[in-house]
Amino acid sequence: MTTASFCAMTCAEGGFHVFLTEKFDGIWPVCTTKEQAAEIVTTHCGVDSRRELNTKGPEQDLWLSLQAEYKDWLRT
């Protein structure tokens, strides 16, 4: 599975919407859809499309860091 595919699946998760809402409280409005989640992720990572996250670099590193934060958040 590509990084972009995994990101798309994560953006569809309701828990990820809650995580993004809490993490970016005051910066972004409440996240309730996969489209809003995708917009937050692409803006946060500095890409125009999640497809760009398939290429190694600082943008992919930002996504992997955000994903790790989400996994930790799920454990709490």
N, C-alpha and C. Protein backbone atom coordinates (compact mmCIF):
# COMPACT_ATOMS: atom_id res chain seq x y z
N MET A 1 0.86 -1.17 0.00
CA MET A 1 0.00 0.00 0.00
C MET A 1 0.91 1.24 0.00
N THR A 2 0.54 2.21 -0.78
CA THR A 2 1.33 3.44 -0.84
C THR A 2 1.02 4.33 0.35
N THR A 3 1.90 5.26 0.60
CA THR A 3 1.69 6.23 1.68
C THR A 3 0.41 7.02 1.44
N ALA A 4 0.19 7.42 0.19
CA ALA A 4 -1.01 8.20 -0.15
C ALA A 4 -2.28 7.39 0.08
N SER A 5 -2.25 6.11 -0.26
CA SER A 5 -3.42 5.25 -0.05
C SER A 5 -3.73 5.10 1.43
N PHE A 6 -2.68 4.89 2.22
CA PHE A 6 -2.88 4.77 3.65
C PHE A 6 -3.41 6.07 4.23
N CYS A 7 -2.88 7.18 3.74
CA CYS A 7 -3.35 8.49 4.19
C CYS A 7 -4.83 8.66 3.87
N ALA A 8 -5.23 8.27 2.67
CA ALA A 8 -6.64 8.39 2.27
C ALA A 8 -7.53 7.56 3.18
N MET A 9 -7.08 6.34 3.52
CA MET A 9 -7.86 5.50 4.42
C MET A 9 -7.96 6.14 5.81
N THR A 10 -6.86 6.71 6.28
CA THR A 10 -6.85 7.35 7.59
C THR A 10 -7.78 8.56 7.60
N CYS A 11 -7.78 9.33 6.51
CA CYS A 11 -8.63 10.51 6.42
C CYS A 11 -10.12 10.17 6.46
N ALA A 12 -10.47 8.92 6.20
CA ALA A 12 -11.86 8.50 6.23
C ALA A 12 -12.31 8.06 7.62
N GLU A 13 -11.37 7.94 8.56
CA GLU A 13 -11.70 7.45 9.90
C GLU A 13 -12.27 8.57 10.78
N GLY A 14 -13.37 8.27 11.40
CA GLY A 14 -13.99 9.23 12.30
C GLY A 14 -13.08 9.65 13.44
N GLY A 15 -12.31 8.70 13.97
CA GLY A 15 -11.37 9.01 15.04
C GLY A 15 -10.31 10.00 14.61
N PHE A 16 -9.89 9.90 13.35
CA PHE A 16 -8.89 10.83 12.82
C PHE A 16 -9.47 12.23 12.75
N HIS A 17 -10.75 12.33 12.43
CA HIS A 17 -11.43 13.64 12.39
C HIS A 17 -11.40 14.29 13.77
N VAL A 18 -11.69 13.49 14.80
CA VAL A 18 -11.67 14.01 16.17
C VAL A 18 -10.25 14.42 16.54
N PHE A 19 -9.26 13.58 16.21
CA PHE A 19 -7.86 13.89 16.49
C PHE A 19 -7.45 15.21 15.83
N LEU A 20 -7.78 15.38 14.56
CA LEU A 20 -7.41 16.62 13.86
C LEU A 20 -8.09 17.83 14.48
N THR A 21 -9.36 17.66 14.87
CA THR A 21 -10.09 18.76 15.50
C THR A 21 -9.40 19.17 16.80
N GLU A 22 -8.99 18.20 17.59
CA GLU A 22 -8.31 18.51 18.86
C GLU A 22 -6.92 19.09 18.62
N LYS A 23 -6.16 18.49 17.70
CA LYS A 23 -4.78 18.92 17.46
C LYS A 23 -4.73 20.33 16.90
N PHE A 24 -5.61 20.64 15.99
CA PHE A 24 -5.58 21.94 15.31
C PHE A 24 -6.69 22.86 15.80
N ASP A 25 -7.09 22.69 17.06
CA ASP A 25 -8.14 23.51 17.66
C ASP A 25 -7.79 24.99 17.53
N GLY A 26 -8.68 25.75 16.96
CA GLY A 26 -8.46 27.17 16.79
C GLY A 26 -7.78 27.55 15.49
N ILE A 27 -7.14 26.56 14.85
CA ILE A 27 -6.47 26.80 13.57
C ILE A 27 -7.39 26.39 12.42
N TRP A 28 -8.06 25.24 12.59
CA TRP A 28 -9.00 24.72 11.60
C TRP A 28 -10.36 24.58 12.25
N PRO A 29 -11.41 24.69 11.48
CA PRO A 29 -12.74 24.42 12.05
C PRO A 29 -12.86 22.92 12.35
N VAL A 30 -13.92 22.54 12.99
CA VAL A 30 -14.16 21.14 13.33
C VAL A 30 -14.09 20.28 12.06
N CYS A 31 -13.36 19.18 12.16
CA CYS A 31 -13.21 18.26 11.03
C CYS A 31 -14.25 17.16 11.15
N THR A 32 -15.10 17.02 10.13
CA THR A 32 -16.16 16.01 10.18
C THR A 32 -16.22 15.12 8.95
N THR A 33 -15.41 15.41 7.93
CA THR A 33 -15.48 14.62 6.70
C THR A 33 -14.08 14.23 6.23
N LYS A 34 -14.03 13.22 5.38
CA LYS A 34 -12.74 12.81 4.83
C LYS A 34 -12.14 13.90 3.94
N GLU A 35 -12.99 14.70 3.31
CA GLU A 35 -12.51 15.79 2.48
C GLU A 35 -11.83 16.87 3.33
N GLN A 36 -12.45 17.19 4.46
CA GLN A 36 -11.85 18.17 5.36
C GLN A 36 -10.54 17.64 5.93
N ALA A 37 -10.52 16.37 6.28
CA ALA A 37 -9.29 15.76 6.79
C ALA A 37 -8.18 15.82 5.75
N ALA A 38 -8.53 15.52 4.50
CA ALA A 38 -7.53 15.58 3.42
C ALA A 38 -6.99 16.99 3.25
N GLU A 39 -7.86 17.98 3.35
CA GLU A 39 -7.43 19.37 3.22
C GLU A 39 -6.47 19.75 4.35
N ILE A 40 -6.80 19.33 5.57
CA ILE A 40 -5.93 19.63 6.70
C ILE A 40 -4.57 18.96 6.52
N VAL A 41 -4.58 17.69 6.13
CA VAL A 41 -3.32 16.95 5.95
C VAL A 41 -2.47 17.57 4.85
N THR A 42 -3.07 17.86 3.71
CA THR A 42 -2.27 18.40 2.61
C THR A 42 -1.72 19.78 2.96
N THR A 43 -2.50 20.59 3.65
CA THR A 43 -2.01 21.90 4.07
C THR A 43 -0.89 21.75 5.09
N HIS A 44 -1.11 20.91 6.08
CA HIS A 44 -0.11 20.69 7.12
C HIS A 44 1.20 20.17 6.54
N CYS A 45 1.10 19.29 5.56
CA CYS A 45 2.30 18.67 4.97
C CYS A 45 2.90 19.51 3.83
N GLY A 46 2.19 20.52 3.39
CA GLY A 46 2.71 21.38 2.34
C GLY A 46 2.69 20.77 0.95
N VAL A 47 1.64 19.98 0.68
CA VAL A 47 1.48 19.37 -0.64
C VAL A 47 0.14 19.76 -1.24
N ASP A 48 0.05 19.64 -2.55
CA ASP A 48 -1.21 19.92 -3.24
C ASP A 48 -2.10 18.68 -3.29
N SER A 49 -1.48 17.51 -3.24
CA SER A 49 -2.21 16.26 -3.35
C SER A 49 -1.56 15.22 -2.43
N ARG A 50 -2.37 14.35 -1.86
CA ARG A 50 -1.82 13.29 -1.01
C ARG A 50 -0.86 12.39 -1.79
N ARG A 51 -1.03 12.32 -3.12
CA ARG A 51 -0.12 11.53 -3.95
C ARG A 51 1.34 11.93 -3.75
N GLU A 52 1.54 13.21 -3.47
CA GLU A 52 2.90 13.70 -3.26
C GLU A 52 3.55 13.11 -2.01
N LEU A 53 2.75 12.54 -1.13
CA LEU A 53 3.29 11.93 0.08
C LEU A 53 3.98 10.60 -0.21
N ASN A 54 3.84 10.09 -1.43
CA ASN A 54 4.52 8.86 -1.81
C ASN A 54 6.02 9.06 -2.02
N THR A 55 6.45 10.31 -2.17
CA THR A 55 7.86 10.62 -2.40
C THR A 55 8.54 10.94 -1.08
N LYS A 56 9.67 10.27 -0.85
CA LYS A 56 10.43 10.54 0.38
C LYS A 56 10.85 12.00 0.42
N GLY A 57 10.76 12.59 1.58
CA GLY A 57 11.13 13.98 1.75
C GLY A 57 10.46 14.55 2.98
N PRO A 58 10.65 15.85 3.22
CA PRO A 58 10.09 16.46 4.44
C PRO A 58 8.56 16.40 4.50
N GLU A 59 7.91 16.44 3.35
CA GLU A 59 6.44 16.38 3.34
C GLU A 59 5.97 15.01 3.83
N GLN A 60 6.60 13.96 3.34
CA GLN A 60 6.25 12.61 3.78
C GLN A 60 6.58 12.45 5.27
N ASP A 61 7.70 13.02 5.70
CA ASP A 61 8.07 12.96 7.12
C ASP A 61 7.01 13.62 8.00
N LEU A 62 6.46 14.74 7.53
CA LEU A 62 5.39 15.41 8.29
C LEU A 62 4.17 14.51 8.42
N TRP A 63 3.81 13.85 7.33
CA TRP A 63 2.67 12.93 7.39
C TRP A 63 2.96 11.79 8.36
N LEU A 64 4.14 11.18 8.26
CA LEU A 64 4.47 10.05 9.13
C LEU A 64 4.46 10.48 10.60
N SER A 65 4.90 11.69 10.88
CA SER A 65 4.87 12.22 12.24
C SER A 65 3.43 12.42 12.71
N LEU A 66 2.60 12.98 11.85
CA LEU A 66 1.18 13.19 12.19
C LEU A 66 0.50 11.84 12.42
N GLN A 67 0.81 10.87 11.58
CA GLN A 67 0.23 9.54 11.72
C GLN A 67 0.66 8.91 13.05
N ALA A 68 1.93 9.07 13.42
CA ALA A 68 2.41 8.53 14.69
C ALA A 68 1.71 9.20 15.88
N GLU A 69 1.50 10.51 15.79
CA GLU A 69 0.76 11.23 16.84
C GLU A 69 -0.66 10.68 16.97
N TYR A 70 -1.28 10.41 15.82
CA TYR A 70 -2.64 9.86 15.82
C TYR A 70 -2.66 8.48 16.49
N LYS A 71 -1.69 7.64 16.16
CA LYS A 71 -1.64 6.30 16.78
C LYS A 71 -1.49 6.43 18.30
N ASP A 72 -0.61 7.35 18.74
CA ASP A 72 -0.45 7.57 20.18
C ASP A 72 -1.75 8.08 20.80
N TRP A 73 -2.42 8.98 20.10
CA TRP A 73 -3.69 9.54 20.58
C TRP A 73 -4.74 8.44 20.73
N LEU A 74 -4.73 7.48 19.81
CA LEU A 74 -5.70 6.38 19.88
C LEU A 74 -5.49 5.52 21.13
N ARG A 75 -4.26 5.44 21.57
CA ARG A 75 -3.93 4.60 22.73
C ARG A 75 -4.35 5.24 24.05
N THR A 76 -4.66 6.53 24.02
CA THR A 76 -5.01 7.21 25.28
C THR A 76 -6.49 7.18 25.54
